[in-house]
N, C-alpha and C. Protein backbone atom coordinates (compact mmCIF):
# COMPACT_ATOMS: atom_id res chain seq x y z
N MET A 1 -14.98 12.51 0.34
CA MET A 1 -15.12 11.07 -0.20
C MET A 1 -16.69 10.93 -0.42
N GLU A 2 -17.02 10.06 -1.59
CA GLU A 2 -18.44 9.80 -1.79
C GLU A 2 -18.77 8.70 -0.58
N THR A 3 -20.13 8.63 -0.56
CA THR A 3 -20.64 7.40 0.03
C THR A 3 -21.79 6.76 -0.65
N GLY A 4 -22.05 5.66 -0.16
CA GLY A 4 -23.12 4.87 -1.22
C GLY A 4 -22.47 3.59 -1.68
N PRO A 5 -23.55 2.78 -2.23
CA PRO A 5 -22.78 1.46 -2.60
C PRO A 5 -22.11 1.48 -3.74
N SER A 6 -21.97 2.56 -4.70
CA SER A 6 -21.02 2.55 -5.73
C SER A 6 -20.03 3.49 -5.53
N ALA A 7 -19.78 4.09 -4.28
CA ALA A 7 -18.42 4.79 -3.93
C ALA A 7 -17.25 3.98 -3.73
N THR A 8 -16.16 4.44 -4.35
CA THR A 8 -14.95 3.84 -4.25
C THR A 8 -14.04 4.78 -3.89
N PRO A 9 -13.35 4.58 -2.53
CA PRO A 9 -12.49 5.44 -2.05
C PRO A 9 -11.18 5.55 -2.85
N THR A 10 -10.63 6.68 -3.08
CA THR A 10 -9.67 6.66 -4.25
C THR A 10 -8.19 6.40 -3.30
N THR A 11 -8.14 6.85 -2.16
CA THR A 11 -6.83 6.55 -1.59
C THR A 11 -7.10 6.90 -0.21
N PRO A 12 -6.86 5.80 0.94
CA PRO A 12 -6.86 6.01 2.29
C PRO A 12 -5.70 6.86 2.55
N PRO A 13 -5.65 7.40 3.75
CA PRO A 13 -4.41 8.11 4.19
C PRO A 13 -3.39 7.08 4.46
N PRO A 14 -1.87 7.47 3.93
CA PRO A 14 -0.84 6.50 3.92
C PRO A 14 -0.54 6.16 5.37
N LEU A 15 -0.39 5.16 5.82
CA LEU A 15 -0.23 4.59 7.20
C LEU A 15 1.36 5.02 7.65
N SER A 16 1.59 5.88 8.65
CA SER A 16 2.59 5.99 9.25
C SER A 16 2.78 5.48 10.74
N THR A 17 1.77 4.72 11.19
CA THR A 17 1.85 3.98 12.45
C THR A 17 3.00 3.30 12.61
N ASN A 18 3.56 2.57 11.97
CA ASN A 18 4.68 1.69 12.10
C ASN A 18 5.73 2.71 12.52
N LEU A 19 6.12 3.67 11.84
CA LEU A 19 7.05 4.69 12.10
C LEU A 19 6.79 5.14 13.59
N ALA A 20 5.60 5.59 14.00
CA ALA A 20 5.20 5.95 15.27
C ALA A 20 5.66 4.76 16.34
N PHE A 21 5.38 3.82 16.13
CA PHE A 21 5.45 2.63 17.02
C PHE A 21 7.05 2.55 17.21
N ALA A 22 7.86 2.63 16.16
CA ALA A 22 9.51 2.55 16.09
C ALA A 22 10.16 3.71 16.62
N ALA A 23 9.39 4.78 16.69
CA ALA A 23 9.97 6.19 17.02
C ALA A 23 11.11 6.02 18.19
N PRO A 24 10.62 5.64 19.44
CA PRO A 24 11.79 5.67 20.39
C PRO A 24 13.12 4.76 20.07
N GLY A 25 12.95 3.79 19.60
CA GLY A 25 14.19 2.90 19.34
C GLY A 25 14.88 3.81 18.07
N LEU A 26 14.08 4.10 16.99
CA LEU A 26 14.55 4.60 15.85
C LEU A 26 15.43 6.00 16.23
N LYS A 27 14.80 6.80 16.96
CA LYS A 27 15.48 7.92 17.32
C LYS A 27 16.72 7.74 18.17
N ALA A 28 16.66 6.81 19.18
CA ALA A 28 17.68 6.68 20.07
C ALA A 28 18.90 5.84 19.05
N ALA A 29 18.63 5.14 18.25
CA ALA A 29 19.74 4.29 17.35
C ALA A 29 20.44 5.29 16.40
N LEU A 30 19.66 6.26 15.73
CA LEU A 30 20.24 7.02 14.73
C LEU A 30 20.43 8.46 15.32
N ALA A 31 20.19 8.58 16.60
CA ALA A 31 20.51 9.76 17.32
C ALA A 31 19.82 10.98 16.74
N LEU A 32 18.41 10.89 16.40
CA LEU A 32 17.62 11.81 15.56
C LEU A 32 17.05 12.77 16.61
N THR A 33 17.09 14.02 16.49
CA THR A 33 16.39 14.83 17.18
C THR A 33 14.89 14.81 16.88
N ASP A 34 14.01 15.57 17.37
CA ASP A 34 12.60 15.51 17.39
C ASP A 34 12.31 16.09 15.72
N ALA A 35 13.09 17.21 15.54
CA ALA A 35 13.02 18.12 14.09
C ALA A 35 13.45 16.95 13.13
N GLN A 36 14.50 16.14 13.20
CA GLN A 36 14.96 15.34 12.12
C GLN A 36 14.00 13.96 12.12
N TYR A 37 13.50 13.67 13.06
CA TYR A 37 12.42 12.50 12.96
C TYR A 37 11.30 13.30 12.14
N GLY A 38 10.65 14.31 12.63
CA GLY A 38 9.53 14.88 12.03
C GLY A 38 9.90 15.19 10.61
N MET A 39 11.02 15.47 10.16
CA MET A 39 11.32 15.75 8.82
C MET A 39 11.24 14.56 8.03
N GLY A 40 11.76 13.40 8.49
CA GLY A 40 11.81 11.98 7.98
C GLY A 40 10.37 11.62 7.74
N SER A 41 9.53 11.87 8.73
CA SER A 41 8.20 11.32 8.61
C SER A 41 7.46 12.21 7.47
N SER A 42 7.64 13.35 7.40
CA SER A 42 7.07 14.26 6.41
C SER A 42 7.61 13.80 4.99
N LEU A 43 8.71 13.51 4.76
CA LEU A 43 9.20 13.42 3.61
C LEU A 43 8.47 12.12 2.96
N PHE A 44 8.11 11.09 3.88
CA PHE A 44 7.38 10.03 3.16
C PHE A 44 6.25 10.63 2.30
N PHE A 45 5.42 11.71 2.83
CA PHE A 45 4.34 12.12 2.21
C PHE A 45 4.72 13.06 0.80
N VAL A 46 6.06 13.42 0.93
CA VAL A 46 6.47 14.15 -0.18
C VAL A 46 6.40 13.06 -1.38
N GLY A 47 7.18 11.95 -1.20
CA GLY A 47 7.20 10.79 -2.08
C GLY A 47 5.92 10.45 -2.37
N TYR A 48 5.03 10.11 -1.53
CA TYR A 48 3.66 9.33 -1.77
C TYR A 48 2.76 10.43 -2.62
N CYS A 49 2.66 11.69 -2.37
CA CYS A 49 1.87 12.60 -2.99
C CYS A 49 2.27 12.97 -4.37
N GLY A 50 3.78 12.94 -4.45
CA GLY A 50 4.40 13.46 -5.80
C GLY A 50 4.37 12.34 -6.87
N ALA A 51 4.18 11.21 -6.36
CA ALA A 51 4.34 9.91 -7.15
C ALA A 51 2.97 9.34 -7.49
N GLN A 52 2.12 9.51 -6.89
CA GLN A 52 0.78 8.85 -6.80
C GLN A 52 -0.03 8.93 -8.14
N VAL A 53 -0.27 10.13 -8.45
CA VAL A 53 -0.89 10.40 -9.81
C VAL A 53 -0.12 9.80 -11.02
N PRO A 54 1.07 10.30 -11.21
CA PRO A 54 2.02 9.91 -12.20
C PRO A 54 1.93 8.35 -12.31
N LEU A 55 2.25 7.65 -11.40
CA LEU A 55 2.40 6.13 -11.33
C LEU A 55 0.87 5.30 -11.52
N VAL A 56 -0.02 5.91 -10.91
CA VAL A 56 -1.44 5.37 -11.33
C VAL A 56 -1.90 5.68 -12.65
N ALA A 57 -1.43 6.91 -13.34
CA ALA A 57 -1.91 7.07 -14.72
C ALA A 57 -1.16 6.31 -15.64
N ALA A 58 0.21 6.04 -15.20
CA ALA A 58 0.99 4.99 -15.99
C ALA A 58 0.57 3.64 -16.24
N ALA A 59 0.19 3.18 -14.88
CA ALA A 59 -0.47 1.98 -14.78
C ALA A 59 -1.77 1.80 -15.80
N ALA A 60 -2.57 2.98 -15.78
CA ALA A 60 -3.75 2.69 -16.36
C ALA A 60 -3.66 2.97 -18.05
N ARG A 61 -2.43 3.36 -18.33
CA ARG A 61 -2.23 3.43 -19.85
C ARG A 61 -1.33 2.26 -20.20
N SER A 62 -0.98 1.42 -19.50
CA SER A 62 -0.28 0.40 -19.65
C SER A 62 -1.02 -0.84 -20.38
N ARG A 63 -0.52 -1.38 -21.27
CA ARG A 63 -1.20 -2.72 -21.95
C ARG A 63 -1.32 -3.80 -21.11
N ALA A 64 -0.35 -3.99 -20.05
CA ALA A 64 -0.30 -5.10 -19.14
C ALA A 64 -1.56 -5.04 -18.26
N GLY A 65 -2.12 -3.53 -17.75
CA GLY A 65 -3.05 -3.36 -16.88
C GLY A 65 -2.58 -3.22 -15.56
N PRO A 66 -3.51 -3.06 -14.45
CA PRO A 66 -2.90 -2.87 -12.99
C PRO A 66 -2.32 -3.73 -12.44
N VAL A 67 -2.49 -5.03 -12.89
CA VAL A 67 -2.09 -6.03 -11.86
C VAL A 67 -0.42 -6.12 -11.73
N PRO A 68 0.17 -6.05 -12.70
CA PRO A 68 1.66 -6.29 -12.79
C PRO A 68 2.28 -4.80 -12.02
N TRP A 69 1.72 -3.73 -12.05
CA TRP A 69 1.85 -2.55 -11.53
C TRP A 69 1.68 -2.69 -9.97
N LEU A 70 0.43 -3.22 -9.55
CA LEU A 70 0.32 -3.52 -8.02
C LEU A 70 1.45 -4.50 -7.57
N CYS A 71 1.56 -5.65 -8.30
CA CYS A 71 2.65 -6.36 -7.83
C CYS A 71 3.98 -5.61 -7.56
N ALA A 72 4.56 -5.02 -8.59
CA ALA A 72 5.72 -4.37 -8.57
C ALA A 72 6.04 -3.25 -7.41
N SER A 73 4.64 -2.43 -7.37
CA SER A 73 4.47 -1.52 -6.15
C SER A 73 4.68 -2.43 -4.91
N CYS A 74 3.99 -3.46 -4.75
CA CYS A 74 4.09 -4.10 -3.42
C CYS A 74 5.44 -4.55 -3.19
N VAL A 75 6.15 -5.23 -4.21
CA VAL A 75 7.42 -5.82 -4.10
C VAL A 75 8.35 -4.68 -3.76
N ALA A 76 8.33 -3.48 -4.27
CA ALA A 76 9.23 -2.38 -3.96
C ALA A 76 9.03 -1.94 -2.61
N TRP A 77 7.78 -1.86 -2.32
CA TRP A 77 7.28 -1.29 -1.12
C TRP A 77 7.95 -2.19 0.04
N GLY A 78 7.73 -3.31 -0.15
CA GLY A 78 8.34 -4.38 0.98
C GLY A 78 9.90 -4.32 1.02
N ALA A 79 10.42 -4.29 -0.04
CA ALA A 79 11.81 -4.34 -0.10
C ALA A 79 12.51 -2.98 0.35
N LEU A 80 11.79 -1.81 0.21
CA LEU A 80 12.34 -0.53 0.85
C LEU A 80 11.84 -0.70 2.36
N ALA A 81 10.71 -1.12 2.72
CA ALA A 81 10.74 -1.16 4.09
C ALA A 81 11.67 -1.92 4.75
N ALA A 82 11.91 -3.16 4.21
CA ALA A 82 12.99 -3.91 4.84
C ALA A 82 14.21 -3.18 4.77
N ALA A 83 14.67 -2.38 3.71
CA ALA A 83 16.01 -1.87 3.68
C ALA A 83 16.14 -0.63 4.69
N THR A 84 14.91 -0.30 5.22
CA THR A 84 15.12 0.74 5.97
C THR A 84 15.92 0.39 7.35
N ALA A 85 16.01 -0.72 7.54
CA ALA A 85 16.68 -1.51 8.80
C ALA A 85 18.14 -0.95 8.48
N CYS A 86 18.66 -0.93 7.34
CA CYS A 86 19.94 -0.48 7.24
C CYS A 86 20.39 0.93 7.19
N VAL A 87 19.61 1.75 7.40
CA VAL A 87 19.83 3.29 7.61
C VAL A 87 20.68 3.54 8.79
N LYS A 88 21.71 4.27 8.71
CA LYS A 88 22.61 4.64 9.98
C LYS A 88 22.73 6.27 10.09
N THR A 89 22.28 7.08 9.21
CA THR A 89 22.37 8.51 9.28
C THR A 89 20.98 9.22 9.23
N PRO A 90 20.87 10.37 9.66
CA PRO A 90 19.38 11.07 9.13
C PRO A 90 19.49 11.28 7.51
N ALA A 91 20.24 11.34 6.91
CA ALA A 91 20.09 11.52 5.30
C ALA A 91 19.66 10.29 4.70
N GLN A 92 20.20 9.12 5.26
CA GLN A 92 19.65 7.82 4.88
C GLN A 92 18.26 7.64 5.30
N PHE A 93 17.88 8.20 6.47
CA PHE A 93 16.63 7.83 6.80
C PHE A 93 15.72 8.73 5.99
N TYR A 94 16.06 10.07 5.47
CA TYR A 94 15.21 10.78 4.63
C TYR A 94 15.13 10.03 3.32
N ALA A 95 16.40 9.59 2.91
CA ALA A 95 15.89 9.06 1.36
C ALA A 95 15.13 8.03 1.44
N ALA A 96 15.33 7.05 2.55
CA ALA A 96 14.35 5.88 2.54
C ALA A 96 13.05 6.30 2.85
N ARG A 97 12.52 7.23 3.47
CA ARG A 97 11.32 7.59 3.58
C ARG A 97 10.79 8.12 2.30
N VAL A 98 11.54 8.82 1.44
CA VAL A 98 10.99 9.42 0.15
C VAL A 98 10.82 8.28 -0.57
N ALA A 99 11.78 7.29 -0.66
CA ALA A 99 11.64 6.23 -1.52
C ALA A 99 10.29 5.34 -1.23
N LEU A 100 10.19 5.14 0.13
CA LEU A 100 9.06 4.32 0.56
C LEU A 100 7.92 5.02 0.20
N GLY A 101 7.81 6.31 0.09
CA GLY A 101 6.53 6.84 -0.40
C GLY A 101 6.18 6.93 -1.83
N VAL A 102 7.37 6.79 -2.45
CA VAL A 102 7.11 6.57 -3.95
C VAL A 102 6.78 5.08 -4.08
N ALA A 103 7.22 4.16 -3.57
CA ALA A 103 6.81 2.81 -3.84
C ALA A 103 5.32 2.48 -3.37
N GLU A 104 4.85 3.18 -2.20
CA GLU A 104 3.60 2.87 -1.49
C GLU A 104 2.53 3.47 -2.45
N ALA A 105 2.77 4.60 -3.22
CA ALA A 105 1.75 5.60 -3.64
C ALA A 105 0.72 4.86 -4.42
N PRO A 106 1.00 4.07 -5.63
CA PRO A 106 0.30 3.55 -6.43
C PRO A 106 -0.64 2.42 -5.79
N SER A 107 -0.05 1.68 -4.71
CA SER A 107 -0.60 0.43 -4.19
C SER A 107 -2.30 0.56 -3.97
N PHE A 108 -2.58 1.31 -3.07
CA PHE A 108 -4.07 1.47 -2.76
C PHE A 108 -5.08 1.81 -3.87
N PRO A 109 -4.56 2.97 -4.71
CA PRO A 109 -5.71 3.05 -5.85
C PRO A 109 -5.58 1.81 -6.77
N LEU A 110 -4.51 0.97 -6.94
CA LEU A 110 -4.62 -0.08 -8.19
C LEU A 110 -5.29 -1.11 -7.31
N LEU A 111 -5.16 -1.35 -6.08
CA LEU A 111 -5.74 -2.49 -5.37
C LEU A 111 -7.15 -2.21 -5.31
N TRP A 112 -7.71 -0.94 -5.27
CA TRP A 112 -9.23 -0.68 -5.44
C TRP A 112 -9.64 -1.01 -6.82
N GLY A 113 -8.90 -0.65 -7.94
CA GLY A 113 -9.10 -1.02 -9.19
C GLY A 113 -9.31 -2.39 -9.72
N VAL A 114 -8.24 -3.07 -8.95
CA VAL A 114 -8.29 -4.65 -9.19
C VAL A 114 -9.44 -5.22 -8.50
N ILE A 115 -9.86 -4.64 -7.29
CA ILE A 115 -11.01 -5.25 -6.53
C ILE A 115 -12.17 -4.97 -7.55
N HIS A 116 -12.29 -3.80 -7.80
CA HIS A 116 -13.56 -3.37 -8.59
C HIS A 116 -13.53 -4.30 -9.80
N SER A 117 -12.52 -4.61 -10.48
CA SER A 117 -12.80 -5.56 -11.68
C SER A 117 -13.10 -6.98 -11.41
N PHE A 118 -12.99 -7.52 -10.35
CA PHE A 118 -13.25 -9.01 -9.92
C PHE A 118 -14.82 -9.07 -9.11
N TYR A 119 -15.19 -8.08 -8.62
CA TYR A 119 -16.30 -8.15 -7.69
C TYR A 119 -17.45 -7.48 -8.37
N ALA A 120 -18.73 -8.21 -8.05
CA ALA A 120 -19.86 -7.48 -8.30
C ALA A 120 -20.17 -6.07 -7.67
N GLU A 121 -21.08 -5.32 -8.10
CA GLU A 121 -21.25 -4.00 -7.33
C GLU A 121 -21.50 -4.18 -5.89
N ARG A 122 -22.47 -5.11 -5.80
CA ARG A 122 -22.91 -5.46 -4.33
C ARG A 122 -22.05 -6.02 -3.30
N GLU A 123 -20.92 -6.63 -3.93
CA GLU A 123 -19.89 -7.29 -3.08
C GLU A 123 -18.62 -6.42 -2.80
N ILE A 124 -18.60 -5.26 -3.60
CA ILE A 124 -17.35 -4.47 -3.55
C ILE A 124 -17.26 -3.94 -1.92
N GLY A 125 -18.05 -3.54 -1.42
CA GLY A 125 -18.03 -2.94 -0.02
C GLY A 125 -17.50 -3.89 0.99
N ALA A 126 -17.85 -5.22 0.94
CA ALA A 126 -17.50 -6.28 1.68
C ALA A 126 -15.95 -6.64 1.40
N ALA A 127 -15.52 -6.24 0.04
CA ALA A 127 -14.14 -6.65 -0.26
C ALA A 127 -13.02 -5.51 0.34
N PHE A 128 -13.82 -3.99 0.08
CA PHE A 128 -12.92 -3.11 0.64
C PHE A 128 -12.80 -3.18 2.28
N ALA A 129 -13.91 -3.78 2.99
CA ALA A 129 -14.06 -3.85 4.42
C ALA A 129 -12.86 -4.79 4.95
N TRP A 130 -12.85 -5.98 4.23
CA TRP A 130 -11.80 -7.04 4.31
C TRP A 130 -10.47 -6.29 4.29
N VAL A 131 -10.13 -5.53 3.31
CA VAL A 131 -8.67 -4.99 2.99
C VAL A 131 -8.42 -4.02 4.12
N THR A 132 -9.37 -3.30 4.45
CA THR A 132 -9.33 -2.20 5.43
C THR A 132 -9.02 -2.97 7.01
N ALA A 133 -9.73 -4.17 7.31
CA ALA A 133 -9.76 -4.97 8.33
C ALA A 133 -8.32 -5.21 8.53
N THR A 134 -7.76 -5.76 7.19
CA THR A 134 -6.37 -6.40 7.48
C THR A 134 -5.31 -5.14 7.79
N ILE A 135 -5.56 -4.01 7.39
CA ILE A 135 -4.81 -2.95 7.79
C ILE A 135 -4.91 -2.68 9.13
N ALA A 136 -5.83 -2.59 9.68
CA ALA A 136 -6.04 -2.62 11.36
C ALA A 136 -5.57 -3.58 11.95
N VAL A 137 -5.69 -5.02 11.67
CA VAL A 137 -5.04 -6.10 12.34
C VAL A 137 -3.40 -5.89 12.22
N ALA A 138 -2.79 -5.51 11.10
CA ALA A 138 -1.59 -5.40 10.88
C ALA A 138 -1.00 -4.36 11.81
N GLN A 139 -1.69 -3.25 11.87
CA GLN A 139 -1.21 -2.01 12.72
C GLN A 139 -1.11 -2.56 14.28
N VAL A 140 -2.19 -3.44 14.60
CA VAL A 140 -2.19 -3.99 16.11
C VAL A 140 -1.08 -4.93 16.26
N TRP A 141 -0.96 -5.84 15.24
CA TRP A 141 0.01 -6.90 15.17
C TRP A 141 1.60 -6.57 15.07
N GLY A 142 1.85 -5.33 14.57
CA GLY A 142 2.97 -4.70 14.30
C GLY A 142 3.31 -3.65 15.34
N GLY A 143 2.57 -3.26 16.23
CA GLY A 143 2.55 -2.27 17.18
C GLY A 143 3.81 -2.73 18.32
N GLY A 144 4.05 -1.72 19.03
CA GLY A 144 4.71 -1.97 20.30
C GLY A 144 6.25 -2.29 19.81
N GLY A 145 7.00 -2.60 20.95
CA GLY A 145 8.33 -3.04 20.62
C GLY A 145 9.18 -1.75 20.95
N ARG A 146 10.22 -2.01 21.73
CA ARG A 146 11.38 -0.89 21.93
C ARG A 146 12.56 -1.25 21.51
N GLY A 147 13.62 -0.29 21.76
CA GLY A 147 14.95 -0.75 21.32
C GLY A 147 15.21 -0.88 19.91
N GLY A 148 16.14 -2.07 19.72
CA GLY A 148 16.54 -2.39 18.24
C GLY A 148 15.61 -3.05 17.41
N GLY A 149 14.09 -3.18 18.16
CA GLY A 149 13.03 -3.69 17.23
C GLY A 149 12.61 -2.95 16.09
N TRP A 150 12.94 -1.81 16.27
CA TRP A 150 12.41 -0.90 15.05
C TRP A 150 13.20 -1.51 13.54
N ARG A 151 14.25 -1.87 13.70
CA ARG A 151 15.05 -2.40 12.60
C ARG A 151 14.38 -3.68 11.78
N TRP A 152 13.73 -4.47 12.54
CA TRP A 152 12.78 -5.65 12.02
C TRP A 152 11.43 -5.16 11.59
N ARG A 153 10.96 -4.10 12.18
CA ARG A 153 9.51 -3.93 11.93
C ARG A 153 9.40 -3.59 10.29
N GLY A 154 10.34 -3.19 9.75
CA GLY A 154 10.13 -2.99 8.09
C GLY A 154 10.23 -4.49 7.21
N CYS A 155 10.66 -5.44 8.14
CA CYS A 155 10.65 -6.81 7.35
C CYS A 155 9.33 -7.37 7.51
N PHE A 156 8.18 -7.00 8.24
CA PHE A 156 6.86 -7.33 8.27
C PHE A 156 5.84 -6.42 7.65
N VAL A 157 6.35 -5.38 7.19
CA VAL A 157 5.17 -4.21 6.65
C VAL A 157 5.14 -4.79 4.85
N ARG A 158 3.91 -4.94 4.85
CA ARG A 158 3.38 -5.08 3.39
C ARG A 158 1.95 -4.66 3.04
N ALA A 159 2.02 -4.47 1.71
CA ALA A 159 0.62 -4.26 1.46
C ALA A 159 -0.66 -5.07 1.83
N PRO A 160 -1.53 -4.97 2.13
CA PRO A 160 -2.75 -5.93 2.52
C PRO A 160 -3.08 -6.63 1.07
N PRO A 161 -3.12 -8.06 1.14
CA PRO A 161 -3.32 -8.63 -0.13
C PRO A 161 -4.92 -8.63 -0.55
N PRO A 162 -5.00 -8.42 -1.78
CA PRO A 162 -6.34 -8.33 -2.40
C PRO A 162 -7.12 -9.61 -2.01
N PRO A 163 -8.46 -9.51 -1.79
CA PRO A 163 -9.27 -10.84 -1.86
C PRO A 163 -9.18 -11.53 -2.95
N PRO A 164 -9.17 -12.78 -2.90
CA PRO A 164 -9.15 -13.67 -4.09
C PRO A 164 -10.41 -13.48 -4.92
N PRO A 165 -10.17 -13.51 -6.28
CA PRO A 165 -11.06 -13.21 -7.09
C PRO A 165 -12.21 -14.21 -7.04
N PRO A 166 -13.48 -14.01 -7.50
CA PRO A 166 -14.69 -14.99 -6.94
C PRO A 166 -14.25 -16.35 -7.76
N SER A 167 -14.98 -17.26 -7.51
CA SER A 167 -14.80 -18.58 -8.05
C SER A 167 -15.91 -18.60 -9.10
N PRO A 168 -15.84 -19.65 -10.02
CA PRO A 168 -16.63 -19.65 -11.15
C PRO A 168 -18.04 -20.06 -10.64
N CYS A 169 -18.27 -20.70 -9.44
CA CYS A 169 -19.46 -20.85 -8.65
C CYS A 169 -20.14 -19.62 -8.25
N ARG A 170 -19.11 -18.77 -7.83
CA ARG A 170 -19.48 -17.45 -7.12
C ARG A 170 -20.01 -16.59 -8.26
N ARG A 171 -19.21 -16.60 -9.25
CA ARG A 171 -19.77 -15.85 -10.49
C ARG A 171 -21.02 -16.14 -11.01
N ALA A 172 -21.54 -17.41 -11.00
CA ALA A 172 -22.88 -17.77 -11.41
C ALA A 172 -23.86 -17.35 -10.47
N GLN A 173 -23.24 -17.09 -9.15
CA GLN A 173 -24.38 -16.62 -8.02
C GLN A 173 -24.76 -15.02 -8.42
N THR A 174 -23.54 -14.32 -8.86
CA THR A 174 -23.52 -13.00 -8.98
C THR A 174 -24.04 -12.65 -10.50
N GLY A 175 -24.02 -13.70 -11.56
CA GLY A 175 -24.50 -13.22 -12.73
C GLY A 175 -23.31 -13.11 -13.70
N ARG A 176 -22.08 -12.99 -13.04
CA ARG A 176 -20.90 -12.99 -14.16
C ARG A 176 -20.53 -14.34 -14.77
N THR A 177 -20.25 -14.01 -15.88
CA THR A 177 -19.89 -15.46 -16.55
C THR A 177 -18.55 -15.58 -17.00
N SER A 178 -17.67 -14.36 -16.97
CA SER A 178 -16.29 -14.42 -17.26
C SER A 178 -15.65 -13.34 -16.42
N THR A 179 -14.43 -13.31 -16.45
CA THR A 179 -13.47 -12.32 -15.85
C THR A 179 -13.75 -11.02 -16.81
N PRO A 180 -13.39 -9.90 -16.34
CA PRO A 180 -13.46 -8.82 -17.07
C PRO A 180 -12.66 -8.70 -18.24
N HIS A 181 -12.88 -7.79 -19.01
CA HIS A 181 -11.98 -7.68 -20.34
C HIS A 181 -10.84 -6.77 -19.82
N ARG A 182 -9.59 -7.26 -20.07
CA ARG A 182 -8.40 -6.62 -19.69
C ARG A 182 -7.76 -6.17 -21.03
N PRO A 183 -7.47 -4.72 -21.53
CA PRO A 183 -7.25 -4.26 -22.71
C PRO A 183 -5.62 -4.85 -22.69
N GLY A 184 -5.31 -5.11 -24.02
CA GLY A 184 -4.05 -5.68 -24.27
C GLY A 184 -3.74 -7.31 -24.03
N ARG A 185 -4.52 -7.93 -23.54
CA ARG A 185 -4.25 -9.33 -23.23
C ARG A 185 -4.71 -10.13 -24.41
N ASP A 186 -5.68 -9.65 -25.17
CA ASP A 186 -6.23 -10.48 -26.25
C ASP A 186 -5.90 -10.05 -27.61
N GLY A 187 -5.09 -8.87 -27.54
CA GLY A 187 -4.53 -8.29 -28.91
C GLY A 187 -5.46 -7.06 -29.31
N THR A 188 -6.45 -6.71 -28.48
CA THR A 188 -7.24 -5.39 -28.85
C THR A 188 -6.86 -4.33 -27.89
């Protein structure tokens, strides 16, 4: 990964911490062996890695821009995380993990792109730091719990919200006079 003021992380590693916190209750409720749990955990990465480039490329080519794609990804991610509470068999667990990986895959690259389009170069590091901090706080807040608590965990998992766009006053301080051009919105 690049370093320096203009470096943009492409993708942080997907977070499977919530699954690790939920492992004892999940394995007991679904009667999963360690091998089945490991397979389900790994299948998330199959969906994540297989879908990231195609979905981000589709968003880049889209006339609507990355924001609707980011919104759709976050909604699908949240819905699928919550739907994981309904799994009853190892096969359903596997399918839920692949689908969750596909839904989450474009979220972080699109989030970085949206942040990059709203912040001045010198502010981007702080914006990325806030997003990364929210991930850490969410992991601490969502950690722990045993028994049937794993079924509720998916209801509280979501992508970190992007920092708000700078206000007009803030743009005046940074030298920006307007929001960046978004292809397709003005007919060009």
